[in-house]
């Protein structure tokens, strides 16, 4: 694991794998239990249900 990866993990608060970060605004942790079919509908669902929350 590189220093760059460690910095990103700390920045996004990643403590478990798999974690998916999308557009610095969505954070999904774990394996999804819903269809992960790329498109606008999925993006809107993820943005609404899984916003990235940074601890400041």
PDB file of N, CA and C in Angstrom:
ATOM      1  N   UNK A   1       0.855  -1.171   0.000  1.00  0.00           N
ATOM      2  CA  UNK A   1       0.000   0.000   0.000  1.00  0.00           C
ATOM      3  C   UNK A   1       0.900   1.233   0.000  1.00  0.00           C
ATOM      4  N   UNK A   2       0.611   2.132  -0.912  1.00  0.00           N
ATOM      5  CA  UNK A   2       1.440   3.328  -1.041  1.00  0.00           C
ATOM      6  C   UNK A   2       0.994   4.411  -0.058  1.00  0.00           C
ATOM      7  N   UNK A   3       1.865   5.392   0.141  1.00  0.00           N
ATOM      8  CA  UNK A   3       1.537   6.517   1.011  1.00  0.00           C
ATOM      9  C   UNK A   3       0.330   7.275   0.451  1.00  0.00           C
ATOM     10  N   UNK A   4       0.262   7.410  -0.878  1.00  0.00           N
ATOM     11  CA  UNK A   4      -0.862   8.110  -1.519  1.00  0.00           C
ATOM     12  C   UNK A   4      -2.193   7.422  -1.190  1.00  0.00           C
ATOM     13  N   UNK A   5      -2.218   6.113  -1.232  1.00  0.00           N
ATOM     14  CA  UNK A   5      -3.437   5.371  -0.912  1.00  0.00           C
ATOM     15  C   UNK A   5      -3.804   5.572   0.551  1.00  0.00           C
ATOM     16  N   UNK A   6      -2.827   5.532   1.445  1.00  0.00           N
ATOM     17  CA  UNK A   6      -3.084   5.743   2.867  1.00  0.00           C
ATOM     18  C   UNK A   6      -3.660   7.135   3.127  1.00  0.00           C
ATOM     19  N   UNK A   7      -3.152   8.136   2.415  1.00  0.00           N
ATOM     20  CA  UNK A   7      -3.657   9.503   2.560  1.00  0.00           C
ATOM     21  C   UNK A   7      -5.105   9.576   2.103  1.00  0.00           C
ATOM     22  N   UNK A   8      -5.422   8.966   0.949  1.00  0.00           N
ATOM     23  CA  UNK A   8      -6.800   8.972   0.437  1.00  0.00           C
ATOM     24  C   UNK A   8      -7.735   8.250   1.399  1.00  0.00           C
ATOM     25  N   UNK A   9      -7.286   7.120   1.945  1.00  0.00           N
ATOM     26  CA  UNK A   9      -8.127   6.379   2.891  1.00  0.00           C
ATOM     27  C   UNK A   9      -8.454   7.243   4.106  1.00  0.00           C
ATOM     28  N   UNK A  10      -7.468   7.970   4.599  1.00  0.00           N
ATOM     29  CA  UNK A  10      -7.698   8.838   5.753  1.00  0.00           C
ATOM     30  C   UNK A  10      -8.617   9.998   5.373  1.00  0.00           C
ATOM     31  N   UNK A  11      -8.384  10.587   4.210  1.00  0.00           N
ATOM     32  CA  UNK A  11      -9.192  11.722   3.743  1.00  0.00           C
ATOM     33  C   UNK A  11     -10.668  11.354   3.627  1.00  0.00           C
ATOM     34  N   UNK A  12     -10.956  10.158   3.116  1.00  0.00           N
ATOM     35  CA  UNK A  12     -12.343   9.734   2.902  1.00  0.00           C
ATOM     36  C   UNK A  12     -12.905   8.904   4.058  1.00  0.00           C
ATOM     37  N   UNK A  13     -12.116   8.665   5.088  1.00  0.00           N
ATOM     38  CA  UNK A  13     -12.601   7.908   6.234  1.00  0.00           C
ATOM     39  C   UNK A  13     -12.849   6.444   5.930  1.00  0.00           C
ATOM     40  N   UNK A  14     -12.031   5.856   5.088  1.00  0.00           N
ATOM     41  CA  UNK A  14     -12.191   4.455   4.705  1.00  0.00           C
ATOM     42  C   UNK A  14     -11.567   3.578   5.779  1.00  0.00           C
ATOM     43  N   UNK A  15     -12.410   2.734   6.358  1.00  0.00           N
ATOM     44  CA  UNK A  15     -11.927   1.814   7.392  1.00  0.00           C
ATOM     45  C   UNK A  15     -12.168   0.359   7.025  1.00  0.00           C
ATOM     46  N   UNK A  16     -12.874   0.105   5.933  1.00  0.00           N
ATOM     47  CA  UNK A  16     -13.102  -1.263   5.498  1.00  0.00           C
ATOM     48  C   UNK A  16     -13.115  -1.333   3.977  1.00  0.00           C
ATOM     49  N   UNK A  17     -12.869  -2.540   3.490  1.00  0.00           N
ATOM     50  CA  UNK A  17     -12.813  -2.785   2.055  1.00  0.00           C
ATOM     51  C   UNK A  17     -13.811  -3.882   1.736  1.00  0.00           C
ATOM     52  N   UNK A  18     -14.616  -3.797   0.682  1.00  0.00           N
ATOM     53  CA  UNK A  18     -14.565  -2.767  -0.341  1.00  0.00           C
ATOM     54  C   UNK A  18     -15.330  -1.505   0.041  1.00  0.00           C
ATOM     55  N   UNK A  19     -14.782  -0.375  -0.343  1.00  0.00           N
ATOM     56  CA  UNK A  19     -15.437   0.919  -0.241  1.00  0.00           C
ATOM     57  C   UNK A  19     -15.318   1.593  -1.595  1.00  0.00           C
ATOM     58  N   UNK A  20     -16.421   2.137  -2.094  1.00  0.00           N
ATOM     59  CA  UNK A  20     -16.435   2.818  -3.384  1.00  0.00           C
ATOM     60  C   UNK A  20     -16.698   4.295  -3.157  1.00  0.00           C
ATOM     61  N   UNK A  21     -15.827   5.141  -3.710  1.00  0.00           N
ATOM     62  CA  UNK A  21     -16.010   6.596  -3.673  1.00  0.00           C
ATOM     63  C   UNK A  21     -16.272   7.051  -5.103  1.00  0.00           C
ATOM     64  N   UNK A  22     -17.329   7.831  -5.302  1.00  0.00           N
ATOM     65  CA  UNK A  22     -17.692   8.316  -6.634  1.00  0.00           C
ATOM     66  C   UNK A  22     -17.787   9.828  -6.599  1.00  0.00           C
ATOM     67  N   UNK A  23     -17.053  10.478  -7.473  1.00  0.00           N
ATOM     68  CA  UNK A  23     -17.112  11.938  -7.656  1.00  0.00           C
ATOM     69  C   UNK A  23     -16.923  12.742  -6.361  1.00  0.00           C
ATOM     70  N   UNK A  24     -16.204  12.194  -5.419  1.00  0.00           N
ATOM     71  CA  UNK A  24     -15.970  12.871  -4.130  1.00  0.00           C
ATOM     72  C   UNK A  24     -17.253  13.282  -3.431  1.00  0.00           C
ATOM     73  N   UNK A  25     -18.385  12.643  -3.780  1.00  0.00           N
ATOM     74  CA  UNK A  25     -19.646  12.999  -3.148  1.00  0.00           C
ATOM     75  C   UNK A  25     -20.451  11.780  -2.701  1.00  0.00           C
ATOM     76  N   UNK A  26     -20.038  10.583  -3.117  1.00  0.00           N
ATOM     77  CA  UNK A  26     -20.758   9.357  -2.782  1.00  0.00           C
ATOM     78  C   UNK A  26     -19.769   8.375  -2.174  1.00  0.00           C
ATOM     79  N   UNK A  27     -20.198   7.724  -1.079  1.00  0.00           N
ATOM     80  CA  UNK A  27     -19.362   6.704  -0.443  1.00  0.00           C
ATOM     81  C   UNK A  27     -20.232   5.497  -0.142  1.00  0.00           C
ATOM     82  N   UNK A  28     -19.908   4.377  -0.775  1.00  0.00           N
ATOM     83  CA  UNK A  28     -20.638   3.141  -0.533  1.00  0.00           C
ATOM     84  C   UNK A  28     -19.669   2.125   0.052  1.00  0.00           C
ATOM     85  N   UNK A  29     -20.018   1.564   1.220  1.00  0.00           N
ATOM     86  CA  UNK A  29     -19.162   0.596   1.897  1.00  0.00           C
ATOM     87  C   UNK A  29     -19.803  -0.783   1.798  1.00  0.00           C
ATOM     88  N   UNK A  30     -19.001  -1.762   1.376  1.00  0.00           N
ATOM     89  CA  UNK A  30     -19.477  -3.137   1.320  1.00  0.00           C
ATOM     90  C   UNK A  30     -19.896  -3.561  -0.075  1.00  0.00           C
ATOM     91  N   UNK A  31     -20.545  -4.710  -0.111  1.00  0.00           N
ATOM     92  CA  UNK A  31     -21.033  -5.271  -1.370  1.00  0.00           C
ATOM     93  C   UNK A  31     -22.507  -4.922  -1.477  1.00  0.00           C
ATOM     94  N   UNK A  32     -22.916  -4.283  -2.589  1.00  0.00           N
ATOM     95  CA  UNK A  32     -24.304  -3.845  -2.703  1.00  0.00           C
ATOM     96  C   UNK A  32     -25.272  -5.028  -2.744  1.00  0.00           C
ATOM     97  N   UNK A  33     -26.457  -4.833  -2.154  1.00  0.00           N
ATOM     98  CA  UNK A  33     -27.511  -5.843  -2.208  1.00  0.00           C
ATOM     99  C   UNK A  33     -28.615  -5.415  -3.181  1.00  0.00           C
ATOM    100  N   UNK A  34     -28.228  -4.578  -4.132  1.00  0.00           N
ATOM    101  CA  UNK A  34     -29.138  -4.101  -5.172  1.00  0.00           C
ATOM    102  C   UNK A  34     -28.369  -4.131  -6.486  1.00  0.00           C
ATOM    103  N   UNK A  35     -29.070  -4.121  -7.620  1.00  0.00           N
ATOM    104  CA  UNK A  35     -28.378  -4.158  -8.923  1.00  0.00           C
ATOM    105  C   UNK A  35     -27.477  -2.938  -9.104  1.00  0.00           C
ATOM    106  N   UNK A  36     -26.240  -3.160  -9.461  1.00  0.00           N
ATOM    107  CA  UNK A  36     -25.252  -2.099  -9.661  1.00  0.00           C
ATOM    108  C   UNK A  36     -25.108  -1.899 -11.166  1.00  0.00           C
ATOM    109  N   UNK A  37     -26.166  -1.395 -11.781  1.00  0.00           N
ATOM    110  CA  UNK A  37     -26.185  -1.178 -13.223  1.00  0.00           C
ATOM    111  C   UNK A  37     -25.976   0.315 -13.453  1.00  0.00           C
ATOM    112  N   UNK A  38     -24.847   0.664 -14.063  1.00  0.00           N
ATOM    113  CA  UNK A  38     -24.476   2.067 -14.238  1.00  0.00           C
ATOM    114  C   UNK A  38     -25.509   2.831 -15.037  1.00  0.00           C
ATOM    115  N   UNK A  39     -25.830   4.004 -14.566  1.00  0.00           N
ATOM    116  CA  UNK A  39     -26.769   4.873 -15.247  1.00  0.00           C
ATOM    117  C   UNK A  39     -27.218   5.984 -14.318  1.00  0.00           C
ATOM    118  N   UNK A  40     -28.028   6.874 -14.844  1.00  0.00           N
ATOM    119  CA  UNK A  40     -28.486   8.021 -14.070  1.00  0.00           C
ATOM    120  C   UNK A  40     -29.313   7.614 -12.854  1.00  0.00           C
ATOM    121  N   UNK A  41     -30.151   6.571 -13.000  1.00  0.00           N
ATOM    122  CA  UNK A  41     -30.985   6.139 -11.874  1.00  0.00           C
ATOM    123  C   UNK A  41     -30.127   5.665 -10.703  1.00  0.00           C
ATOM    124  N   UNK A  42     -29.110   4.855 -10.981  1.00  0.00           N
ATOM    125  CA  UNK A  42     -28.223   4.383  -9.920  1.00  0.00           C
ATOM    126  C   UNK A  42     -27.470   5.547  -9.297  1.00  0.00           C
ATOM    127  N   UNK A  43     -26.964   6.440 -10.132  1.00  0.00           N
ATOM    128  CA  UNK A  43     -26.201   7.584  -9.623  1.00  0.00           C
ATOM    129  C   UNK A  43     -27.052   8.421  -8.675  1.00  0.00           C
ATOM    130  N   UNK A  44     -28.284   8.696  -9.041  1.00  0.00           N
ATOM    131  CA  UNK A  44     -29.171   9.500  -8.192  1.00  0.00           C
ATOM    132  C   UNK A  44     -29.487   8.768  -6.880  1.00  0.00           C
ATOM    133  N   UNK A  45     -29.691   7.440  -6.950  1.00  0.00           N
ATOM    134  CA  UNK A  45     -29.948   6.653  -5.746  1.00  0.00           C
ATOM    135  C   UNK A  45     -28.743   6.714  -4.810  1.00  0.00           C
ATOM    136  N   UNK A  46     -27.553   6.507  -5.359  1.00  0.00           N
ATOM    137  CA  UNK A  46     -26.348   6.527  -4.542  1.00  0.00           C
ATOM    138  C   UNK A  46     -26.116   7.905  -3.936  1.00  0.00           C
ATOM    139  N   UNK A  47     -26.328   8.940  -4.736  1.00  0.00           N
ATOM    140  CA  UNK A  47     -26.114  10.307  -4.250  1.00  0.00           C
ATOM    141  C   UNK A  47     -27.069  10.633  -3.103  1.00  0.00           C
ATOM    142  N   UNK A  48     -28.307  10.134  -3.193  1.00  0.00           N
ATOM    143  CA  UNK A  48     -29.311  10.390  -2.155  1.00  0.00           C
ATOM    144  C   UNK A  48     -29.068   9.531  -0.911  1.00  0.00           C
ATOM    145  N   UNK A  49     -28.813   8.233  -1.108  1.00  0.00           N
ATOM    146  CA  UNK A  49     -28.753   7.296   0.000  1.00  0.00           C
ATOM    147  C   UNK A  49     -27.374   7.123   0.625  1.00  0.00           C
ATOM    148  N   UNK A  50     -26.308   7.476  -0.108  1.00  0.00           N
ATOM    149  CA  UNK A  50     -24.940   7.233   0.363  1.00  0.00           C
ATOM    150  C   UNK A  50     -24.039   8.451   0.172  1.00  0.00           C
ATOM    151  N   UNK A  51     -24.414   9.601   0.732  1.00  0.00           N
ATOM    152  CA  UNK A  51     -23.553  10.782   0.570  1.00  0.00           C
ATOM    153  C   UNK A  51     -22.245  10.592   1.317  1.00  0.00           C
ATOM    154  N   UNK A  52     -21.179  11.130   0.758  1.00  0.00           N
ATOM    155  CA  UNK A  52     -19.879  11.103   1.425  1.00  0.00           C
ATOM    156  C   UNK A  52     -19.921  12.069   2.589  1.00  0.00           C
ATOM    157  N   UNK A  53     -19.634  11.571   3.757  1.00  0.00           N
ATOM    158  CA  UNK A  53     -19.609  12.426   4.951  1.00  0.00           C
ATOM    159  C   UNK A  53     -18.193  12.431   5.462  1.00  0.00           C
ATOM    160  N   UNK A  54     -17.579  13.590   5.442  1.00  0.00           N
ATOM    161  CA  UNK A  54     -16.223  13.722   5.938  1.00  0.00           C
ATOM    162  C   UNK A  54     -16.267  14.190   7.376  1.00  0.00           C
ATOM    163  N   UNK A  55     -15.443  13.596   8.213  1.00  0.00           N
ATOM    164  CA  UNK A  55     -15.315  14.044   9.601  1.00  0.00           C
ATOM    165  C   UNK A  55     -14.350  15.201   9.635  1.00  0.00           C
ATOM    166  N   UNK A  56     -14.817  16.367  10.003  1.00  0.00           N
ATOM    167  CA  UNK A  56     -13.961  17.552  10.062  1.00  0.00           C
ATOM    168  C   UNK A  56     -13.589  17.873  11.476  1.00  0.00           C
TER     169      UNK A  56
END
